[in-house]
Amino acid sequence: MTDRLLQKQLLRFVLVGLATNVVGFGLYLFVTGIIGVGPKTTVSILYPVGALMGYFGNRQWTFSHRGHLLGSSFRYVVAHAFGYLLNILLLLIFVDRLRFPHQLVQAVSILIVALFLFVMFRVFVFPAASESDGSAL
């Protein structure tokens, strides 16, 4: 793949991510600050909603994936399961153990998890080979 394609995919991934995460982080602040739900519970509720919104934008627009819907959906869930665990681990370490403000930790976690997910999406979820040979799940 060319550097130009990588840049195009990264830019589109960022735009899809911004759209979902600006809304998601606003909801996170609302639910934790106004409603009073704990940070890890809030992430557990909101994470799947953001992931679902991102699937369609990333599959169609970011990676122009034409492979099997079922296979890419399964891999997407696996990638996000690891992303979710990474997010929770960051909250456990930096909020519960090191006592950093959860708002700051979650804001940084969004960036860390996004970088992890971009790599997973590009290599594992929506591979360039597009599953056209049927060998990928």
N, C-alpha and C. Protein backbone atom coordinates (compact mmCIF):
# COMPACT_ATOMS: atom_id res chain seq x y z
N MET A 1 0.84 -1.19 0.00
CA MET A 1 0.00 0.00 0.00
C MET A 1 0.88 1.25 0.00
N THR A 2 0.42 2.24 -0.65
CA THR A 2 1.19 3.45 -0.78
C THR A 2 1.05 4.33 0.45
N ASP A 3 2.01 5.23 0.60
CA ASP A 3 1.94 6.21 1.69
C ASP A 3 0.71 7.09 1.53
N ARG A 4 0.35 7.38 0.30
CA ARG A 4 -0.82 8.22 0.04
C ARG A 4 -2.11 7.54 0.52
N LEU A 5 -2.23 6.25 0.27
CA LEU A 5 -3.40 5.51 0.73
C LEU A 5 -3.44 5.47 2.26
N LEU A 6 -2.29 5.24 2.87
CA LEU A 6 -2.22 5.24 4.34
C LEU A 6 -2.66 6.59 4.90
N GLN A 7 -2.18 7.67 4.31
CA GLN A 7 -2.56 9.01 4.76
C GLN A 7 -4.05 9.25 4.59
N LYS A 8 -4.59 8.83 3.46
CA LYS A 8 -6.02 8.99 3.19
C LYS A 8 -6.84 8.20 4.22
N GLN A 9 -6.45 6.96 4.47
CA GLN A 9 -7.16 6.15 5.45
C GLN A 9 -7.05 6.74 6.85
N LEU A 10 -5.88 7.20 7.21
CA LEU A 10 -5.69 7.79 8.53
C LEU A 10 -6.53 9.05 8.70
N LEU A 11 -6.56 9.90 7.69
CA LEU A 11 -7.38 11.12 7.76
C LEU A 11 -8.86 10.76 7.89
N ARG A 12 -9.33 9.83 7.10
CA ARG A 12 -10.74 9.43 7.18
C ARG A 12 -11.05 8.77 8.52
N PHE A 13 -10.12 7.97 9.03
CA PHE A 13 -10.29 7.34 10.34
C PHE A 13 -10.42 8.40 11.43
N VAL A 14 -9.57 9.42 11.34
CA VAL A 14 -9.61 10.52 12.31
C VAL A 14 -10.95 11.25 12.23
N LEU A 15 -11.45 11.50 11.03
CA LEU A 15 -12.72 12.21 10.89
C LEU A 15 -13.89 11.39 11.42
N VAL A 16 -13.91 10.09 11.12
CA VAL A 16 -14.95 9.22 11.67
C VAL A 16 -14.83 9.18 13.20
N GLY A 17 -13.60 9.06 13.67
CA GLY A 17 -13.36 9.02 15.12
C GLY A 17 -13.75 10.31 15.81
N LEU A 18 -13.44 11.44 15.19
CA LEU A 18 -13.83 12.72 15.78
C LEU A 18 -15.34 12.83 15.91
N ALA A 19 -16.02 12.45 14.86
CA ALA A 19 -17.48 12.54 14.88
C ALA A 19 -18.06 11.68 16.00
N THR A 20 -17.59 10.46 16.14
CA THR A 20 -18.15 9.58 17.18
C THR A 20 -17.64 9.93 18.56
N ASN A 21 -16.37 10.33 18.68
CA ASN A 21 -15.81 10.58 20.01
C ASN A 21 -16.16 11.94 20.59
N VAL A 22 -16.40 12.94 19.77
CA VAL A 22 -16.85 14.22 20.32
C VAL A 22 -18.22 14.03 20.97
N VAL A 23 -19.09 13.34 20.27
CA VAL A 23 -20.41 13.05 20.84
C VAL A 23 -20.25 12.14 22.07
N GLY A 24 -19.43 11.09 21.93
CA GLY A 24 -19.25 10.15 23.02
C GLY A 24 -18.64 10.77 24.26
N PHE A 25 -17.62 11.63 24.08
CA PHE A 25 -16.98 12.27 25.23
C PHE A 25 -17.93 13.26 25.89
N GLY A 26 -18.72 13.96 25.09
CA GLY A 26 -19.73 14.85 25.66
C GLY A 26 -20.73 14.08 26.50
N LEU A 27 -21.17 12.93 25.99
CA LEU A 27 -22.07 12.08 26.76
C LEU A 27 -21.38 11.54 28.02
N TYR A 28 -20.10 11.18 27.90
CA TYR A 28 -19.32 10.71 29.04
C TYR A 28 -19.30 11.77 30.15
N LEU A 29 -19.00 13.00 29.78
CA LEU A 29 -18.96 14.09 30.78
C LEU A 29 -20.33 14.32 31.39
N PHE A 30 -21.36 14.25 30.57
CA PHE A 30 -22.72 14.42 31.06
C PHE A 30 -23.11 13.32 32.04
N VAL A 31 -22.88 12.08 31.64
CA VAL A 31 -23.29 10.93 32.47
C VAL A 31 -22.49 10.88 33.77
N THR A 32 -21.17 11.14 33.70
CA THR A 32 -20.37 11.10 34.93
C THR A 32 -20.58 12.34 35.79
N GLY A 33 -20.68 13.51 35.16
CA GLY A 33 -20.75 14.76 35.92
C GLY A 33 -22.13 15.16 36.37
N ILE A 34 -23.12 15.00 35.53
CA ILE A 34 -24.48 15.44 35.84
C ILE A 34 -25.29 14.31 36.48
N ILE A 35 -25.24 13.15 35.87
CA ILE A 35 -26.02 12.02 36.38
C ILE A 35 -25.31 11.35 37.55
N GLY A 36 -23.97 11.35 37.54
CA GLY A 36 -23.21 10.81 38.65
C GLY A 36 -22.84 9.34 38.54
N VAL A 37 -22.90 8.78 37.34
CA VAL A 37 -22.50 7.39 37.14
C VAL A 37 -20.98 7.33 37.12
N GLY A 38 -20.39 6.25 37.63
CA GLY A 38 -18.94 6.09 37.69
C GLY A 38 -18.31 5.99 36.31
N PRO A 39 -17.03 6.36 36.21
CA PRO A 39 -16.34 6.38 34.92
C PRO A 39 -16.32 5.03 34.20
N LYS A 40 -16.02 3.94 34.89
CA LYS A 40 -15.92 2.64 34.23
C LYS A 40 -17.29 2.14 33.79
N THR A 41 -18.30 2.40 34.57
CA THR A 41 -19.67 2.02 34.18
C THR A 41 -20.10 2.82 32.96
N THR A 42 -19.79 4.10 32.95
CA THR A 42 -20.16 4.95 31.83
C THR A 42 -19.47 4.50 30.55
N VAL A 43 -18.17 4.19 30.65
CA VAL A 43 -17.44 3.69 29.47
C VAL A 43 -18.05 2.38 29.00
N SER A 44 -18.43 1.53 29.94
CA SER A 44 -19.02 0.23 29.58
C SER A 44 -20.34 0.39 28.84
N ILE A 45 -21.07 1.44 29.15
CA ILE A 45 -22.35 1.70 28.48
C ILE A 45 -22.14 2.38 27.12
N LEU A 46 -21.27 3.38 27.09
CA LEU A 46 -21.11 4.18 25.88
C LEU A 46 -20.19 3.56 24.83
N TYR A 47 -19.25 2.74 25.25
CA TYR A 47 -18.28 2.17 24.32
C TYR A 47 -18.95 1.40 23.17
N PRO A 48 -19.89 0.50 23.46
CA PRO A 48 -20.53 -0.23 22.34
C PRO A 48 -21.31 0.68 21.38
N VAL A 49 -21.89 1.74 21.88
CA VAL A 49 -22.64 2.67 21.03
C VAL A 49 -21.68 3.35 20.04
N GLY A 50 -20.56 3.84 20.55
CA GLY A 50 -19.57 4.48 19.67
C GLY A 50 -18.97 3.50 18.68
N ALA A 51 -18.74 2.28 19.13
CA ALA A 51 -18.17 1.26 18.25
C ALA A 51 -19.11 0.94 17.10
N LEU A 52 -20.38 0.83 17.37
CA LEU A 52 -21.36 0.54 16.33
C LEU A 52 -21.42 1.67 15.30
N MET A 53 -21.42 2.89 15.80
CA MET A 53 -21.45 4.04 14.89
C MET A 53 -20.19 4.05 14.00
N GLY A 54 -19.05 3.75 14.60
CA GLY A 54 -17.80 3.77 13.86
C GLY A 54 -17.65 2.66 12.83
N TYR A 55 -18.32 1.53 13.07
CA TYR A 55 -18.17 0.39 12.15
C TYR A 55 -18.55 0.78 10.73
N PHE A 56 -19.70 1.37 10.58
CA PHE A 56 -20.18 1.66 9.23
C PHE A 56 -19.35 2.75 8.55
N GLY A 57 -18.97 3.77 9.29
CA GLY A 57 -18.13 4.81 8.71
C GLY A 57 -16.77 4.28 8.29
N ASN A 58 -16.17 3.46 9.14
CA ASN A 58 -14.85 2.93 8.83
C ASN A 58 -14.88 1.87 7.74
N ARG A 59 -15.87 1.02 7.78
CA ARG A 59 -15.95 -0.05 6.76
C ARG A 59 -16.14 0.56 5.37
N GLN A 60 -17.09 1.46 5.25
CA GLN A 60 -17.43 2.01 3.94
C GLN A 60 -16.47 3.10 3.49
N TRP A 61 -16.24 4.07 4.35
CA TRP A 61 -15.54 5.27 3.92
C TRP A 61 -14.04 5.20 4.14
N THR A 62 -13.62 4.80 5.34
CA THR A 62 -12.18 4.82 5.66
C THR A 62 -11.42 3.76 4.86
N PHE A 63 -11.88 2.52 4.90
CA PHE A 63 -11.13 1.42 4.32
C PHE A 63 -11.73 0.87 3.03
N SER A 64 -12.88 1.38 2.60
CA SER A 64 -13.54 0.93 1.37
C SER A 64 -13.55 -0.60 1.29
N HIS A 65 -13.94 -1.21 2.37
CA HIS A 65 -13.89 -2.67 2.47
C HIS A 65 -15.06 -3.30 1.73
N ARG A 66 -14.76 -4.29 0.91
CA ARG A 66 -15.78 -4.97 0.12
C ARG A 66 -15.90 -6.45 0.49
N GLY A 67 -15.23 -6.84 1.56
CA GLY A 67 -15.26 -8.24 1.98
C GLY A 67 -16.57 -8.59 2.65
N HIS A 68 -16.60 -9.80 3.16
CA HIS A 68 -17.80 -10.31 3.81
C HIS A 68 -18.17 -9.49 5.04
N LEU A 69 -19.44 -9.14 5.13
CA LEU A 69 -19.95 -8.36 6.25
C LEU A 69 -19.81 -9.12 7.56
N LEU A 70 -20.16 -10.39 7.56
CA LEU A 70 -20.11 -11.19 8.78
C LEU A 70 -18.68 -11.33 9.31
N GLY A 71 -17.74 -11.60 8.43
CA GLY A 71 -16.35 -11.75 8.84
C GLY A 71 -15.77 -10.47 9.40
N SER A 72 -15.99 -9.36 8.70
CA SER A 72 -15.46 -8.09 9.19
C SER A 72 -16.16 -7.65 10.47
N SER A 73 -17.44 -7.96 10.59
CA SER A 73 -18.17 -7.62 11.82
C SER A 73 -17.60 -8.37 13.02
N PHE A 74 -17.34 -9.65 12.84
CA PHE A 74 -16.76 -10.46 13.92
C PHE A 74 -15.39 -9.91 14.32
N ARG A 75 -14.54 -9.65 13.35
CA ARG A 75 -13.20 -9.12 13.64
C ARG A 75 -13.29 -7.73 14.28
N TYR A 76 -14.25 -6.94 13.87
CA TYR A 76 -14.46 -5.62 14.45
C TYR A 76 -14.80 -5.73 15.93
N VAL A 77 -15.68 -6.66 16.27
CA VAL A 77 -16.05 -6.88 17.68
C VAL A 77 -14.82 -7.33 18.47
N VAL A 78 -14.02 -8.23 17.91
CA VAL A 78 -12.80 -8.68 18.60
C VAL A 78 -11.85 -7.51 18.82
N ALA A 79 -11.63 -6.71 17.79
CA ALA A 79 -10.73 -5.56 17.93
C ALA A 79 -11.24 -4.60 18.99
N HIS A 80 -12.53 -4.34 18.99
CA HIS A 80 -13.09 -3.43 19.98
C HIS A 80 -13.11 -4.02 21.38
N ALA A 81 -13.22 -5.32 21.49
CA ALA A 81 -13.13 -5.95 22.81
C ALA A 81 -11.75 -5.67 23.42
N PHE A 82 -10.72 -5.80 22.61
CA PHE A 82 -9.38 -5.48 23.10
C PHE A 82 -9.22 -3.98 23.35
N GLY A 83 -9.83 -3.15 22.50
CA GLY A 83 -9.80 -1.70 22.72
C GLY A 83 -10.50 -1.31 24.02
N TYR A 84 -11.63 -1.95 24.28
CA TYR A 84 -12.38 -1.71 25.52
C TYR A 84 -11.53 -2.11 26.73
N LEU A 85 -10.92 -3.29 26.68
CA LEU A 85 -10.07 -3.74 27.79
C LEU A 85 -8.90 -2.79 28.02
N LEU A 86 -8.31 -2.30 26.94
CA LEU A 86 -7.23 -1.32 27.05
C LEU A 86 -7.74 -0.05 27.73
N ASN A 87 -8.92 0.42 27.35
CA ASN A 87 -9.52 1.62 27.94
C ASN A 87 -9.75 1.43 29.44
N ILE A 88 -10.35 0.30 29.81
CA ILE A 88 -10.61 0.01 31.23
C ILE A 88 -9.29 -0.11 32.00
N LEU A 89 -8.30 -0.76 31.42
CA LEU A 89 -6.99 -0.90 32.08
C LEU A 89 -6.36 0.47 32.34
N LEU A 90 -6.45 1.36 31.37
CA LEU A 90 -5.91 2.71 31.56
C LEU A 90 -6.64 3.44 32.69
N LEU A 91 -7.97 3.29 32.76
CA LEU A 91 -8.72 3.90 33.86
C LEU A 91 -8.33 3.29 35.21
N LEU A 92 -8.20 1.97 35.26
CA LEU A 92 -7.82 1.31 36.51
C LEU A 92 -6.45 1.79 37.01
N ILE A 93 -5.50 1.87 36.10
CA ILE A 93 -4.14 2.26 36.50
C ILE A 93 -4.07 3.74 36.86
N PHE A 94 -4.54 4.60 35.94
CA PHE A 94 -4.30 6.03 36.12
C PHE A 94 -5.33 6.74 36.98
N VAL A 95 -6.54 6.21 37.11
CA VAL A 95 -7.54 6.83 37.97
C VAL A 95 -7.55 6.15 39.33
N ASP A 96 -7.76 4.83 39.33
CA ASP A 96 -7.90 4.11 40.60
C ASP A 96 -6.58 4.02 41.37
N ARG A 97 -5.49 3.77 40.69
CA ARG A 97 -4.19 3.59 41.36
C ARG A 97 -3.41 4.89 41.54
N LEU A 98 -3.30 5.65 40.46
CA LEU A 98 -2.45 6.84 40.48
C LEU A 98 -3.21 8.13 40.76
N ARG A 99 -4.55 8.04 40.82
CA ARG A 99 -5.42 9.16 41.21
C ARG A 99 -5.40 10.37 40.28
N PHE A 100 -5.20 10.11 38.98
CA PHE A 100 -5.32 11.19 38.01
C PHE A 100 -6.81 11.47 37.81
N PRO A 101 -7.18 12.68 37.40
CA PRO A 101 -8.59 12.98 37.13
C PRO A 101 -9.12 12.12 35.99
N HIS A 102 -10.28 11.50 36.21
CA HIS A 102 -10.82 10.57 35.21
C HIS A 102 -11.10 11.25 33.88
N GLN A 103 -11.45 12.53 33.90
CA GLN A 103 -11.74 13.24 32.65
C GLN A 103 -10.49 13.30 31.77
N LEU A 104 -9.35 13.61 32.38
CA LEU A 104 -8.09 13.69 31.64
C LEU A 104 -7.66 12.30 31.15
N VAL A 105 -7.77 11.32 32.02
CA VAL A 105 -7.38 9.96 31.64
C VAL A 105 -8.23 9.45 30.49
N GLN A 106 -9.54 9.69 30.54
CA GLN A 106 -10.42 9.23 29.46
C GLN A 106 -10.12 9.96 28.16
N ALA A 107 -9.82 11.24 28.23
CA ALA A 107 -9.49 11.99 27.01
C ALA A 107 -8.23 11.42 26.36
N VAL A 108 -7.20 11.13 27.15
CA VAL A 108 -5.97 10.54 26.62
C VAL A 108 -6.22 9.10 26.16
N SER A 109 -7.05 8.37 26.90
CA SER A 109 -7.36 6.99 26.54
C SER A 109 -8.02 6.91 25.16
N ILE A 110 -8.86 7.86 24.85
CA ILE A 110 -9.50 7.89 23.53
C ILE A 110 -8.44 7.89 22.44
N LEU A 111 -7.39 8.68 22.61
CA LEU A 111 -6.33 8.76 21.61
C LEU A 111 -5.52 7.46 21.53
N ILE A 112 -5.19 6.90 22.68
CA ILE A 112 -4.41 5.66 22.71
C ILE A 112 -5.20 4.51 22.08
N VAL A 113 -6.45 4.38 22.47
CA VAL A 113 -7.29 3.31 21.93
C VAL A 113 -7.51 3.53 20.43
N ALA A 114 -7.67 4.77 20.01
CA ALA A 114 -7.86 5.06 18.58
C ALA A 114 -6.65 4.61 17.76
N LEU A 115 -5.46 4.88 18.22
CA LEU A 115 -4.26 4.46 17.50
C LEU A 115 -4.20 2.93 17.43
N PHE A 116 -4.48 2.27 18.54
CA PHE A 116 -4.52 0.81 18.57
C PHE A 116 -5.55 0.29 17.56
N LEU A 117 -6.75 0.88 17.55
CA LEU A 117 -7.81 0.41 16.67
C LEU A 117 -7.50 0.67 15.20
N PHE A 118 -6.85 1.78 14.88
CA PHE A 118 -6.51 2.04 13.48
C PHE A 118 -5.63 0.92 12.94
N VAL A 119 -4.64 0.54 13.72
CA VAL A 119 -3.74 -0.54 13.30
C VAL A 119 -4.53 -1.85 13.16
N MET A 120 -5.37 -2.15 14.14
CA MET A 120 -6.16 -3.38 14.09
C MET A 120 -7.12 -3.38 12.90
N PHE A 121 -7.77 -2.27 12.65
CA PHE A 121 -8.71 -2.19 11.53
C PHE A 121 -7.99 -2.39 10.20
N ARG A 122 -6.87 -1.74 10.05
CA ARG A 122 -6.14 -1.77 8.78
C ARG A 122 -5.57 -3.15 8.49
N VAL A 123 -5.07 -3.81 9.52
CA VAL A 123 -4.39 -5.09 9.34
C VAL A 123 -5.32 -6.29 9.52
N PHE A 124 -6.23 -6.21 10.47
CA PHE A 124 -7.01 -7.38 10.88
C PHE A 124 -8.48 -7.32 10.47
N VAL A 125 -9.12 -6.19 10.67
CA VAL A 125 -10.58 -6.10 10.47
C VAL A 125 -10.94 -5.87 9.00
N PHE A 126 -10.32 -4.89 8.39
CA PHE A 126 -10.62 -4.54 6.99
C PHE A 126 -9.34 -4.65 6.16
N PRO A 127 -8.81 -5.86 6.01
CA PRO A 127 -7.53 -5.99 5.31
C PRO A 127 -7.65 -5.60 3.84
N ALA A 128 -6.54 -5.18 3.28
CA ALA A 128 -6.51 -4.72 1.89
C ALA A 128 -6.92 -5.81 0.91
N ALA A 129 -6.66 -7.06 1.26
CA ALA A 129 -7.01 -8.17 0.37
C ALA A 129 -8.52 -8.35 0.24
N SER A 130 -9.27 -7.72 1.13
CA SER A 130 -10.73 -7.68 1.06
C SER A 130 -11.41 -9.04 1.13
N GLU A 131 -10.72 -10.04 1.58
CA GLU A 131 -11.33 -11.36 1.77
C GLU A 131 -11.91 -11.94 0.49
N SER A 132 -11.54 -11.44 -0.65
CA SER A 132 -12.14 -11.89 -1.90
C SER A 132 -11.86 -13.36 -2.19
N ASP A 133 -10.77 -13.89 -1.61
CA ASP A 133 -10.48 -15.29 -1.85
C ASP A 133 -11.15 -16.21 -0.84
N GLY A 134 -11.86 -15.62 0.15
CA GLY A 134 -12.59 -16.41 1.13
C GLY A 134 -11.72 -17.01 2.20
N SER A 135 -10.42 -16.74 2.22
CA SER A 135 -9.55 -17.36 3.20
C SER A 135 -9.62 -16.69 4.56
N ALA A 136 -10.03 -15.45 4.62
CA ALA A 136 -10.10 -14.74 5.90
C ALA A 136 -11.49 -14.92 6.49
N LEU A 137 -11.57 -14.91 7.81
CA LEU A 137 -12.84 -15.07 8.50
C LEU A 137 -13.73 -13.88 8.27
